[in-house]
Amino acid sequence: MAAPLRSIGRLLCRTNILYQSLREVRGGHVSLPVVRCHRVGSPCVQVYRSFCTPASSDEDVAATLALSRYKDRPWDYLESEEYIDRYGSKPVWLDYRRNHKGGIPPQKTRKTCIRGDKTCGNPCPICRDPNVIIHYQNVKLLQQFVSPYTGLVLDSTRTGVCMKQQKQLNTAIETARDHGLIPVQVPHVDFSGEDYSNSHAAVGKTPPPTVVKAGEPWYQWYGSMVPDERELARVKKIYKSYLKQ
């Protein structure tokens, strides 16, 4: 009795495989099914593996090639026609406006615009354009976030950059300054009133230490001190048992 039941189960599995294959061939998608059959009476567990990928359009291919090209040389994007058509001669953050609830804008920008595979509705000026890549050699991009008057990095509340990208900007700008790619403005200090001679006491010779003789106190003012008689009597009364006769 067990043998006919096994044969019926195998026949049902093969019929199901054939039906699924014909259904996928008609739909234009070909896949190779892998079927794992258990005992008779339990459902068949089918695992399908597809080795076909949908054909990509010309725009997707062009975008992929552009990303791969600018990934190695991100500074070339700022000189491309695509960047000029989109931003012109303005910084990337100038025309950015963040969506927020109410009439008062938030005091801080969001922590990050991209969380895993999900992107927020209105990403920051750097997260919204995948071709804008922060790198310490991308000097033209970094200079857009440095004030030309003070040399300080612009605050994220003014540029709208999220906190994650702001940290990367600060690190890239410091690295570029260390490599000499971005000038550092050092404040001018006037030393006209300083004394460069060696005659003042700060650079003079240290006087020799005083010699203390036997019976003399180390500090000169210690011998001229006169204690209060009442306070001295009170202390002697407290420590009477510990004082030497």
Protein backbone atom coordinates (compact mmCIF):
# COMPACT_ATOMS: atom_id res chain seq x y z
CA MET A 1 0.00 0.00 0.00
CA ALA A 2 2.90 2.34 0.75
CA ALA A 3 4.48 1.87 -2.71
CA PRO A 4 1.40 3.07 -4.70
CA LEU A 5 1.09 6.11 -2.41
CA ARG A 6 4.72 7.07 -3.07
CA SER A 7 4.21 6.71 -6.82
CA ILE A 8 1.12 8.94 -6.69
CA GLY A 9 3.05 11.56 -4.70
CA ARG A 10 5.92 11.62 -7.21
CA LEU A 11 3.46 11.94 -10.08
CA LEU A 12 1.76 14.90 -8.44
CA CYS A 13 5.10 16.64 -7.89
CA ARG A 14 6.14 16.15 -11.52
CA THR A 15 2.78 17.47 -12.72
CA ASN A 16 3.18 20.57 -10.58
CA ILE A 17 6.70 21.18 -11.93
CA LEU A 18 5.48 20.93 -15.53
CA TYR A 19 2.57 23.28 -14.87
CA GLN A 20 4.80 25.93 -13.28
CA SER A 21 7.35 25.71 -16.12
CA LEU A 22 4.71 26.20 -18.80
CA ARG A 23 3.19 29.10 -16.90
CA GLU A 24 6.54 30.92 -16.62
CA VAL A 25 7.46 30.29 -20.27
CA ARG A 26 4.18 31.84 -21.39
CA GLY A 27 4.81 34.89 -19.19
CA GLY A 28 8.19 35.53 -20.83
CA HIS A 29 10.27 34.68 -17.76
CA VAL A 30 12.26 31.47 -17.72
CA SER A 31 13.43 29.99 -14.45
CA LEU A 32 14.78 26.69 -13.31
CA PRO A 33 12.63 25.15 -10.56
CA VAL A 34 14.13 23.15 -7.76
CA VAL A 35 11.59 20.93 -5.98
CA ARG A 36 12.02 19.26 -2.64
CA CYS A 37 9.37 16.63 -1.94
CA HIS A 38 8.75 15.24 1.50
CA ARG A 39 6.57 12.38 2.61
CA VAL A 40 3.21 11.73 1.04
CA GLY A 41 0.52 13.81 2.63
CA SER A 42 2.76 16.85 3.24
CA PRO A 43 2.92 19.76 0.76
CA CYS A 44 5.82 20.04 -1.67
CA VAL A 45 8.33 22.81 -0.95
CA GLN A 46 9.34 24.45 -4.25
CA VAL A 47 12.27 26.82 -4.59
CA TYR A 48 12.65 28.68 -7.89
CA ARG A 49 15.88 30.28 -8.99
CA SER A 50 15.79 32.76 -11.80
CA PHE A 51 18.89 33.28 -13.90
CA CYS A 52 17.36 36.01 -16.07
CA THR A 53 17.50 39.72 -15.27
CA PRO A 54 15.24 42.34 -16.82
CA ALA A 55 16.82 44.34 -19.62
CA SER A 56 18.01 47.77 -18.50
CA SER A 57 17.17 50.87 -20.47
CA ASP A 58 19.70 53.21 -22.05
CA GLU A 59 19.10 55.84 -19.36
CA ASP A 60 19.92 53.39 -16.56
CA VAL A 61 23.11 52.34 -18.32
CA ALA A 62 24.15 55.97 -18.84
CA ALA A 63 23.45 56.80 -15.18
CA THR A 64 25.48 53.79 -14.03
CA LEU A 65 28.42 54.77 -16.23
CA ALA A 66 28.28 58.36 -14.96
CA LEU A 67 28.28 57.23 -11.34
CA SER A 68 31.21 54.88 -11.92
CA ARG A 69 33.16 57.63 -13.68
CA TYR A 70 32.56 60.29 -11.02
CA LYS A 71 33.19 57.83 -8.20
CA ASP A 72 36.90 57.66 -9.03
CA ARG A 73 37.20 61.35 -9.97
CA PRO A 74 34.41 63.27 -8.19
CA TRP A 75 35.92 66.66 -9.08
CA ASP A 76 35.21 66.07 -12.78
CA TYR A 77 31.48 66.35 -12.12
CA LEU A 78 31.76 70.01 -11.13
CA GLU A 79 33.22 70.80 -14.57
CA SER A 80 30.73 68.72 -16.57
CA GLU A 81 27.83 70.08 -18.61
CA GLU A 82 25.37 68.19 -16.43
CA TYR A 83 26.47 70.12 -13.34
CA ILE A 84 26.42 73.47 -15.16
CA ASP A 85 22.90 72.85 -16.49
CA ARG A 86 21.64 71.91 -13.04
CA TYR A 87 23.43 74.38 -10.73
CA GLY A 88 25.16 76.90 -12.98
CA SER A 89 27.71 78.96 -11.05
CA LYS A 90 25.79 78.71 -7.75
CA PRO A 91 26.70 76.44 -4.84
CA VAL A 92 24.84 73.17 -4.61
CA TRP A 93 23.07 74.27 -1.41
CA LEU A 94 21.94 77.75 -2.46
CA ASP A 95 18.49 76.87 -3.89
CA TYR A 96 17.76 74.10 -1.41
CA ARG A 97 14.68 74.45 0.80
CA ARG A 98 13.78 71.82 3.34
CA ASN A 99 10.19 70.74 3.82
CA HIS A 100 9.12 71.19 7.42
CA LYS A 101 5.91 71.37 9.35
CA GLY A 102 4.76 74.81 10.43
CA GLY A 103 6.15 78.26 9.74
CA ILE A 104 9.21 77.99 11.99
CA PRO A 105 12.09 75.94 10.53
CA PRO A 106 13.75 73.33 12.77
CA GLN A 107 16.84 74.35 14.71
CA LYS A 108 18.87 71.35 13.53
CA THR A 109 19.02 69.37 10.33
CA ARG A 110 18.10 65.70 10.19
CA LYS A 111 20.65 63.10 11.27
CA THR A 112 20.79 61.39 7.88
CA CYS A 113 18.75 61.38 4.67
CA ILE A 114 19.41 57.78 3.63
CA ARG A 115 18.66 54.91 6.00
CA GLY A 116 19.57 51.63 4.36
CA ASP A 117 17.69 51.50 1.04
CA LYS A 118 15.17 54.19 2.01
CA THR A 119 15.62 57.87 1.16
CA CYS A 120 13.60 60.66 2.74
CA GLY A 121 11.23 62.76 0.68
CA ASN A 122 13.41 65.87 0.56
CA PRO A 123 17.08 64.87 0.98
CA CYS A 124 19.83 67.38 1.66
CA PRO A 125 21.85 69.02 -1.17
CA ILE A 126 24.52 66.29 -1.04
CA CYS A 127 22.27 63.25 -0.58
CA ARG A 128 19.88 64.28 -3.36
CA ASP A 129 22.60 64.21 -6.04
CA PRO A 130 24.57 60.93 -6.14
CA ASN A 131 27.26 62.56 -8.29
CA VAL A 132 28.17 65.04 -5.52
CA ILE A 133 30.82 63.07 -3.62
CA ILE A 134 32.73 64.47 -0.66
CA HIS A 135 36.49 64.02 -1.06
CA TYR A 136 39.40 66.04 0.25
CA GLN A 137 40.69 66.53 -3.31
CA ASN A 138 37.32 67.85 -4.50
CA VAL A 139 38.39 71.40 -3.70
CA LYS A 140 35.71 73.24 -5.68
CA LEU A 141 32.98 71.45 -3.78
CA LEU A 142 34.58 71.98 -0.38
CA GLN A 143 35.09 75.70 -1.01
CA GLN A 144 31.33 76.09 -1.42
CA PHE A 145 30.93 75.20 2.26
CA VAL A 146 33.69 77.53 3.56
CA SER A 147 33.02 81.20 4.23
CA PRO A 148 35.30 83.39 2.05
CA TYR A 149 35.35 86.12 4.72
CA THR A 150 36.14 84.19 7.91
CA GLY A 151 37.47 80.87 6.58
CA LEU A 152 35.07 78.96 8.85
CA VAL A 153 32.90 76.05 7.73
CA LEU A 154 29.32 77.12 7.13
CA ASP A 155 26.81 75.80 9.61
CA SER A 156 24.49 73.00 8.53
CA THR A 157 21.42 75.10 9.41
CA ARG A 158 22.40 77.51 6.62
CA THR A 159 23.35 74.98 3.95
CA GLY A 160 20.71 72.38 4.86
CA VAL A 161 23.20 69.50 4.87
CA CYS A 162 22.33 66.60 7.16
CA MET A 163 24.50 65.88 10.19
CA LYS A 164 26.12 62.80 8.64
CA GLN A 165 27.29 64.69 5.56
CA GLN A 166 28.31 67.68 7.70
CA LYS A 167 30.72 65.49 9.67
CA GLN A 168 32.23 64.19 6.43
CA LEU A 169 32.56 67.77 5.18
CA ASN A 170 34.42 68.88 8.31
CA THR A 171 36.81 65.93 8.05
CA ALA A 172 37.44 66.48 4.32
CA ILE A 173 38.06 70.23 4.78
CA GLU A 174 40.55 69.63 7.61
CA THR A 175 42.35 67.00 5.49
CA ALA A 176 42.46 69.36 2.50
CA ARG A 177 43.95 72.09 4.70
CA ASP A 178 46.56 69.70 6.01
CA HIS A 179 47.53 68.84 2.41
CA GLY A 180 47.65 72.53 1.45
CA LEU A 181 44.73 72.35 -1.00
CA ILE A 182 42.61 74.93 0.87
CA PRO A 183 44.25 78.06 2.35
CA VAL A 184 44.07 78.64 6.08
CA GLN A 185 43.43 82.16 7.30
CA VAL A 186 45.63 82.91 10.33
CA PRO A 187 44.61 86.03 12.30
CA HIS A 188 47.13 88.88 12.27
CA VAL A 189 48.74 89.72 15.60
CA ASP A 190 50.65 92.99 16.01
CA PHE A 191 53.85 92.53 18.04
CA SER A 192 54.98 96.16 17.78
CA GLY A 193 54.52 96.73 21.51
CA GLU A 194 56.41 93.66 22.63
CA ASP A 195 59.82 93.86 24.32
CA TYR A 196 62.30 91.51 22.64
CA SER A 197 65.25 92.44 24.88
CA ASN A 198 66.65 90.24 27.62
CA SER A 199 66.74 92.96 30.25
CA HIS A 200 63.34 92.34 31.82
CA ALA A 201 62.76 89.96 34.71
CA ALA A 202 61.02 87.26 32.64
CA VAL A 203 64.26 86.27 30.89
CA GLY A 204 66.74 87.50 33.51
CA LYS A 205 68.98 85.36 35.66
CA THR A 206 67.44 83.51 38.55
CA PRO A 207 68.76 84.85 41.85
CA PRO A 208 70.58 82.35 44.06
CA PRO A 209 68.57 80.77 46.85
CA THR A 210 68.86 82.26 50.32
CA VAL A 211 70.93 80.45 52.93
CA VAL A 212 69.02 79.58 56.09
CA LYS A 213 71.05 79.46 59.29
CA ALA A 214 70.30 77.32 62.30
CA GLY A 215 67.44 78.70 64.39
CA GLU A 216 66.13 80.96 61.64
CA PRO A 217 62.74 80.30 60.07
CA TRP A 218 62.53 79.39 56.39
CA TYR A 219 60.11 82.23 55.73
CA GLN A 220 61.13 85.66 56.94
CA TRP A 221 57.60 86.65 57.87
CA TYR A 222 57.15 83.58 60.05
CA GLY A 223 59.28 85.01 62.88
CA SER A 224 57.39 88.31 62.96
CA MET A 225 53.99 86.68 63.50
CA VAL A 226 52.43 87.18 66.96
CA PRO A 227 49.71 84.62 67.76
CA ASP A 228 46.55 85.49 69.66
CA GLU A 229 46.90 84.65 73.36
CA ARG A 230 43.30 83.50 73.73
CA GLU A 231 43.45 81.26 70.66
CA LEU A 232 46.82 79.88 71.78
CA ALA A 233 45.43 79.06 75.27
CA ARG A 234 42.40 77.33 73.74
CA VAL A 235 44.57 75.16 71.47
CA LYS A 236 46.89 74.25 74.37
CA LYS A 237 43.90 73.23 76.48
CA ILE A 238 42.56 70.96 73.72
CA TYR A 239 45.89 69.28 73.01
CA LYS A 240 47.24 69.36 76.60
CA SER A 241 47.72 65.61 76.83
CA TYR A 242 49.69 65.54 73.57
CA LEU A 243 52.02 68.46 74.20
CA LYS A 244 55.54 67.90 75.44
CA GLN A 245 56.48 69.34 78.82
